[in-house]
Amino acid sequence: MSIATAYAGLGQKDQSFQWLDSAFVDRSGTLTSIKVLPSFASLRPDPRFNRLLKRIGLEP
């Protein structure tokens, strides 16, 4: 998930979401923290963020 964080920090949303999707497939336990981590704040307005939260089982 650290690669997704780096891409989010660089403003490269597509790449960040690709890595977050990979983390979901790999069942990364840290993925549940994306809702509160400041490093993913730039992704929150993107509709893909809420879709990912729903896939994880979190409320958007």
PDB file of N, CA and C in Angstrom:
ATOM      1  N   MET A   1       0.814  -1.186   0.000  1.00  0.00           N
ATOM      2  CA  MET A   1       0.000   0.000   0.000  1.00  0.00           C
ATOM      3  C   MET A   1       0.863   1.257   0.000  1.00  0.00           C
ATOM      4  N   SER A   2       2.126   1.139   0.344  1.00  0.00           N
ATOM      5  CA  SER A   2       2.994   2.314   0.368  1.00  0.00           C
ATOM      6  C   SER A   2       3.188   2.898  -1.029  1.00  0.00           C
ATOM      7  N   ILE A   3       3.133   2.051  -2.045  1.00  0.00           N
ATOM      8  CA  ILE A   3       3.264   2.557  -3.415  1.00  0.00           C
ATOM      9  C   ILE A   3       2.028   3.383  -3.772  1.00  0.00           C
ATOM     10  N   ALA A   4       0.859   2.929  -3.356  1.00  0.00           N
ATOM     11  CA  ALA A   4      -0.373   3.691  -3.588  1.00  0.00           C
ATOM     12  C   ALA A   4      -0.299   5.042  -2.884  1.00  0.00           C
ATOM     13  N   THR A   5       0.277   5.059  -1.694  1.00  0.00           N
ATOM     14  CA  THR A   5       0.448   6.302  -0.949  1.00  0.00           C
ATOM     15  C   THR A   5       1.356   7.262  -1.709  1.00  0.00           C
ATOM     16  N   ALA A   6       2.451   6.736  -2.239  1.00  0.00           N
ATOM     17  CA  ALA A   6       3.391   7.571  -2.988  1.00  0.00           C
ATOM     18  C   ALA A   6       2.725   8.166  -4.222  1.00  0.00           C
ATOM     19  N   TYR A   7       1.999   7.342  -4.957  1.00  0.00           N
ATOM     20  CA  TYR A   7       1.319   7.848  -6.152  1.00  0.00           C
ATOM     21  C   TYR A   7       0.264   8.889  -5.787  1.00  0.00           C
ATOM     22  N   ALA A   8      -0.445   8.677  -4.696  1.00  0.00           N
ATOM     23  CA  ALA A   8      -1.442   9.661  -4.262  1.00  0.00           C
ATOM     24  C   ALA A   8      -0.760  10.983  -3.933  1.00  0.00           C
ATOM     25  N   GLY A   9       0.379  10.913  -3.267  1.00  0.00           N
ATOM     26  CA  GLY A   9       1.126  12.118  -2.925  1.00  0.00           C
ATOM     27  C   GLY A   9       1.641  12.865  -4.140  1.00  0.00           C
ATOM     28  N   LEU A  10       1.908  12.129  -5.203  1.00  0.00           N
ATOM     29  CA  LEU A  10       2.386  12.739  -6.444  1.00  0.00           C
ATOM     30  C   LEU A  10       1.242  13.237  -7.329  1.00  0.00           C
ATOM     31  N   GLY A  11       0.004  12.988  -6.878  1.00  0.00           N
ATOM     32  CA  GLY A  11      -1.150  13.408  -7.659  1.00  0.00           C
ATOM     33  C   GLY A  11      -1.485  12.480  -8.810  1.00  0.00           C
ATOM     34  N   GLN A  12      -0.903  11.295  -8.807  1.00  0.00           N
ATOM     35  CA  GLN A  12      -1.146  10.323  -9.875  1.00  0.00           C
ATOM     36  C   GLN A  12      -2.236   9.352  -9.415  1.00  0.00           C
ATOM     37  N   LYS A  13      -3.462   9.814  -9.539  1.00  0.00           N
ATOM     38  CA  LYS A  13      -4.607   9.086  -9.000  1.00  0.00           C
ATOM     39  C   LYS A  13      -4.813   7.725  -9.655  1.00  0.00           C
ATOM     40  N   ASP A  14      -4.702   7.662 -10.968  1.00  0.00           N
ATOM     41  CA  ASP A  14      -4.938   6.389 -11.651  1.00  0.00           C
ATOM     42  C   ASP A  14      -4.002   5.306 -11.135  1.00  0.00           C
ATOM     43  N   GLN A  15      -2.725   5.641 -11.001  1.00  0.00           N
ATOM     44  CA  GLN A  15      -1.760   4.663 -10.515  1.00  0.00           C
ATOM     45  C   GLN A  15      -2.032   4.302  -9.059  1.00  0.00           C
ATOM     46  N   SER A  16      -2.414   5.289  -8.269  1.00  0.00           N
ATOM     47  CA  SER A  16      -2.722   5.023  -6.871  1.00  0.00           C
ATOM     48  C   SER A  16      -3.897   4.059  -6.752  1.00  0.00           C
ATOM     49  N   PHE A  17      -4.946   4.290  -7.531  1.00  0.00           N
ATOM     50  CA  PHE A  17      -6.096   3.386  -7.483  1.00  0.00           C
ATOM     51  C   PHE A  17      -5.741   1.991  -7.982  1.00  0.00           C
ATOM     52  N   GLN A  18      -4.848   1.892  -8.947  1.00  0.00           N
ATOM     53  CA  GLN A  18      -4.410   0.565  -9.404  1.00  0.00           C
ATOM     54  C   GLN A  18      -3.761  -0.197  -8.256  1.00  0.00           C
ATOM     55  N   TRP A  19      -2.901   0.485  -7.503  1.00  0.00           N
ATOM     56  CA  TRP A  19      -2.233  -0.176  -6.383  1.00  0.00           C
ATOM     57  C   TRP A  19      -3.202  -0.463  -5.236  1.00  0.00           C
ATOM     58  N   LEU A  20      -4.169   0.411  -5.023  1.00  0.00           N
ATOM     59  CA  LEU A  20      -5.176   0.143  -3.996  1.00  0.00           C
ATOM     60  C   LEU A  20      -6.035  -1.057  -4.386  1.00  0.00           C
ATOM     61  N   ASP A  21      -6.362  -1.171  -5.655  1.00  0.00           N
ATOM     62  CA  ASP A  21      -7.101  -2.349  -6.126  1.00  0.00           C
ATOM     63  C   ASP A  21      -6.286  -3.617  -5.912  1.00  0.00           C
ATOM     64  N   SER A  22      -4.987  -3.541  -6.159  1.00  0.00           N
ATOM     65  CA  SER A  22      -4.113  -4.698  -5.920  1.00  0.00           C
ATOM     66  C   SER A  22      -4.089  -5.050  -4.441  1.00  0.00           C
ATOM     67  N   ALA A  23      -4.053  -4.027  -3.591  1.00  0.00           N
ATOM     68  CA  ALA A  23      -4.071  -4.268  -2.146  1.00  0.00           C
ATOM     69  C   ALA A  23      -5.377  -4.936  -1.734  1.00  0.00           C
ATOM     70  N   PHE A  24      -6.479  -4.557  -2.374  1.00  0.00           N
ATOM     71  CA  PHE A  24      -7.764  -5.194  -2.080  1.00  0.00           C
ATOM     72  C   PHE A  24      -7.741  -6.667  -2.480  1.00  0.00           C
ATOM     73  N   VAL A  25      -7.243  -6.950  -3.667  1.00  0.00           N
ATOM     74  CA  VAL A  25      -7.163  -8.336  -4.150  1.00  0.00           C
ATOM     75  C   VAL A  25      -6.271  -9.170  -3.228  1.00  0.00           C
ATOM     76  N   ASP A  26      -5.192  -8.553  -2.744  1.00  0.00           N
ATOM     77  CA  ASP A  26      -4.261  -9.244  -1.844  1.00  0.00           C
ATOM     78  C   ASP A  26      -4.761  -9.279  -0.405  1.00  0.00           C
ATOM     79  N   ARG A  27      -5.920  -8.677  -0.159  1.00  0.00           N
ATOM     80  CA  ARG A  27      -6.531  -8.624   1.172  1.00  0.00           C
ATOM     81  C   ARG A  27      -5.621  -7.965   2.213  1.00  0.00           C
ATOM     82  N   SER A  28      -5.037  -6.856   1.821  1.00  0.00           N
ATOM     83  CA  SER A  28      -4.164  -6.105   2.719  1.00  0.00           C
ATOM     84  C   SER A  28      -4.973  -5.579   3.903  1.00  0.00           C
ATOM     85  N   GLY A  29      -4.526  -5.890   5.097  1.00  0.00           N
ATOM     86  CA  GLY A  29      -5.216  -5.460   6.304  1.00  0.00           C
ATOM     87  C   GLY A  29      -5.152  -3.962   6.536  1.00  0.00           C
ATOM     88  N   THR A  30      -4.143  -3.322   5.979  1.00  0.00           N
ATOM     89  CA  THR A  30      -3.999  -1.880   6.183  1.00  0.00           C
ATOM     90  C   THR A  30      -4.918  -1.067   5.284  1.00  0.00           C
ATOM     91  N   LEU A  31      -5.549  -1.715   4.346  1.00  0.00           N
ATOM     92  CA  LEU A  31      -6.415  -1.015   3.398  1.00  0.00           C
ATOM     93  C   LEU A  31      -7.594  -0.333   4.093  1.00  0.00           C
ATOM     94  N   THR A  32      -8.023  -0.872   5.204  1.00  0.00           N
ATOM     95  CA  THR A  32      -9.166  -0.290   5.912  1.00  0.00           C
ATOM     96  C   THR A  32      -8.858   1.095   6.473  1.00  0.00           C
ATOM     97  N   SER A  33      -7.597   1.466   6.527  1.00  0.00           N
ATOM     98  CA  SER A  33      -7.227   2.770   7.083  1.00  0.00           C
ATOM     99  C   SER A  33      -7.264   3.899   6.056  1.00  0.00           C
ATOM    100  N   ILE A  34      -7.531   3.590   4.785  1.00  0.00           N
ATOM    101  CA  ILE A  34      -7.483   4.644   3.763  1.00  0.00           C
ATOM    102  C   ILE A  34      -8.519   5.735   4.005  1.00  0.00           C
ATOM    103  N   LYS A  35      -9.571   5.405   4.707  1.00  0.00           N
ATOM    104  CA  LYS A  35     -10.639   6.378   4.952  1.00  0.00           C
ATOM    105  C   LYS A  35     -10.168   7.529   5.845  1.00  0.00           C
ATOM    106  N   VAL A  36      -9.179   7.277   6.694  1.00  0.00           N
ATOM    107  CA  VAL A  36      -8.745   8.294   7.655  1.00  0.00           C
ATOM    108  C   VAL A  36      -7.320   8.793   7.433  1.00  0.00           C
ATOM    109  N   LEU A  37      -6.535   8.101   6.635  1.00  0.00           N
ATOM    110  CA  LEU A  37      -5.151   8.526   6.422  1.00  0.00           C
ATOM    111  C   LEU A  37      -5.102   9.816   5.598  1.00  0.00           C
ATOM    112  N   PRO A  38      -4.405  10.829   6.092  1.00  0.00           N
ATOM    113  CA  PRO A  38      -4.297  12.089   5.345  1.00  0.00           C
ATOM    114  C   PRO A  38      -3.645  11.926   3.974  1.00  0.00           C
ATOM    115  N   SER A  39      -2.811  10.929   3.819  1.00  0.00           N
ATOM    116  CA  SER A  39      -2.107  10.742   2.546  1.00  0.00           C
ATOM    117  C   SER A  39      -3.054  10.406   1.396  1.00  0.00           C
ATOM    118  N   PHE A  40      -4.270   9.982   1.708  1.00  0.00           N
ATOM    119  CA  PHE A  40      -5.241   9.656   0.662  1.00  0.00           C
ATOM    120  C   PHE A  40      -6.331  10.721   0.518  1.00  0.00           C
ATOM    121  N   ALA A  41      -6.149  11.863   1.149  1.00  0.00           N
ATOM    122  CA  ALA A  41      -7.152  12.936   1.091  1.00  0.00           C
ATOM    123  C   ALA A  41      -7.418  13.390  -0.342  1.00  0.00           C
ATOM    124  N   SER A  42      -6.397  13.388  -1.171  1.00  0.00           N
ATOM    125  CA  SER A  42      -6.579  13.842  -2.557  1.00  0.00           C
ATOM    126  C   SER A  42      -7.443  12.890  -3.378  1.00  0.00           C
ATOM    127  N   LEU A  43      -7.584  11.655  -2.905  1.00  0.00           N
ATOM    128  CA  LEU A  43      -8.381  10.665  -3.631  1.00  0.00           C
ATOM    129  C   LEU A  43      -9.849  10.678  -3.216  1.00  0.00           C
ATOM    130  N   ARG A  44     -10.152  11.223  -2.072  1.00  0.00           N
ATOM    131  CA  ARG A  44     -11.512  11.134  -1.530  1.00  0.00           C
ATOM    132  C   ARG A  44     -12.590  11.746  -2.416  1.00  0.00           C
ATOM    133  N   PRO A  45     -12.336  12.843  -3.120  1.00  0.00           N
ATOM    134  CA  PRO A  45     -13.385  13.383  -4.005  1.00  0.00           C
ATOM    135  C   PRO A  45     -13.645  12.524  -5.249  1.00  0.00           C
ATOM    136  N   ASP A  46     -12.745  11.632  -5.560  1.00  0.00           N
ATOM    137  CA  ASP A  46     -12.876  10.790  -6.752  1.00  0.00           C
ATOM    138  C   ASP A  46     -13.923   9.702  -6.496  1.00  0.00           C
ATOM    139  N   PRO A  47     -14.869   9.487  -7.417  1.00  0.00           N
ATOM    140  CA  PRO A  47     -15.904   8.455  -7.231  1.00  0.00           C
ATOM    141  C   PRO A  47     -15.326   7.052  -7.010  1.00  0.00           C
ATOM    142  N   ARG A  48     -14.147   6.796  -7.515  1.00  0.00           N
ATOM    143  CA  ARG A  48     -13.524   5.479  -7.320  1.00  0.00           C
ATOM    144  C   ARG A  48     -13.213   5.216  -5.855  1.00  0.00           C
ATOM    145  N   PHE A  49     -12.986   6.282  -5.093  1.00  0.00           N
ATOM    146  CA  PHE A  49     -12.671   6.125  -3.674  1.00  0.00           C
ATOM    147  C   PHE A  49     -13.861   5.525  -2.928  1.00  0.00           C
ATOM    148  N   ASN A  50     -15.054   6.086  -3.149  1.00  0.00           N
ATOM    149  CA  ASN A  50     -16.252   5.553  -2.483  1.00  0.00           C
ATOM    150  C   ASN A  50     -16.564   4.134  -2.939  1.00  0.00           C
ATOM    151  N   ARG A  51     -16.339   3.845  -4.216  1.00  0.00           N
ATOM    152  CA  ARG A  51     -16.555   2.473  -4.698  1.00  0.00           C
ATOM    153  C   ARG A  51     -15.606   1.509  -3.997  1.00  0.00           C
ATOM    154  N   LEU A  52     -14.358   1.931  -3.813  1.00  0.00           N
ATOM    155  CA  LEU A  52     -13.388   1.082  -3.126  1.00  0.00           C
ATOM    156  C   LEU A  52     -13.788   0.878  -1.667  1.00  0.00           C
ATOM    157  N   LEU A  53     -14.224   1.950  -1.014  1.00  0.00           N
ATOM    158  CA  LEU A  53     -14.673   1.813   0.374  1.00  0.00           C
ATOM    159  C   LEU A  53     -15.794   0.784   0.485  1.00  0.00           C
ATOM    160  N   LYS A  54     -16.743   0.843  -0.436  1.00  0.00           N
ATOM    161  CA  LYS A  54     -17.853  -0.120  -0.420  1.00  0.00           C
ATOM    162  C   LYS A  54     -17.350  -1.541  -0.628  1.00  0.00           C
ATOM    163  N   ARG A  55     -16.387  -1.721  -1.534  1.00  0.00           N
ATOM    164  CA  ARG A  55     -15.820  -3.057  -1.771  1.00  0.00           C
ATOM    165  C   ARG A  55     -15.142  -3.591  -0.512  1.00  0.00           C
ATOM    166  N   ILE A  56     -14.493  -2.690   0.229  1.00  0.00           N
ATOM    167  CA  ILE A  56     -13.805  -3.080   1.459  1.00  0.00           C
ATOM    168  C   ILE A  56     -14.817  -3.419   2.548  1.00  0.00           C
ATOM    169  N   GLY A  57     -16.002  -2.811   2.454  1.00  0.00           N
ATOM    170  CA  GLY A  57     -17.023  -3.030   3.473  1.00  0.00           C
ATOM    171  C   GLY A  57     -17.151  -1.856   4.422  1.00  0.00           C
ATOM    172  N   LEU A  58     -16.650  -0.693   3.990  1.00  0.00           N
ATOM    173  CA  LEU A  58     -16.740   0.516   4.801  1.00  0.00           C
ATOM    174  C   LEU A  58     -17.781   1.455   4.211  1.00  0.00           C
ATOM    175  N   GLU A  59     -18.358   2.275   5.058  1.00  0.00           N
ATOM    176  CA  GLU A  59     -19.308   3.286   4.598  1.00  0.00           C
ATOM    177  C   GLU A  59     -18.538   4.444   3.981  1.00  0.00           C
ATOM    178  N   PRO A  60     -18.996   4.934   2.843  1.00  0.00           N
ATOM    179  CA  PRO A  60     -18.336   6.114   2.234  1.00  0.00           C
ATOM    180  C   PRO A  60     -18.536   7.365   3.065  1.00  0.00           C
TER     181      PRO A  60
END
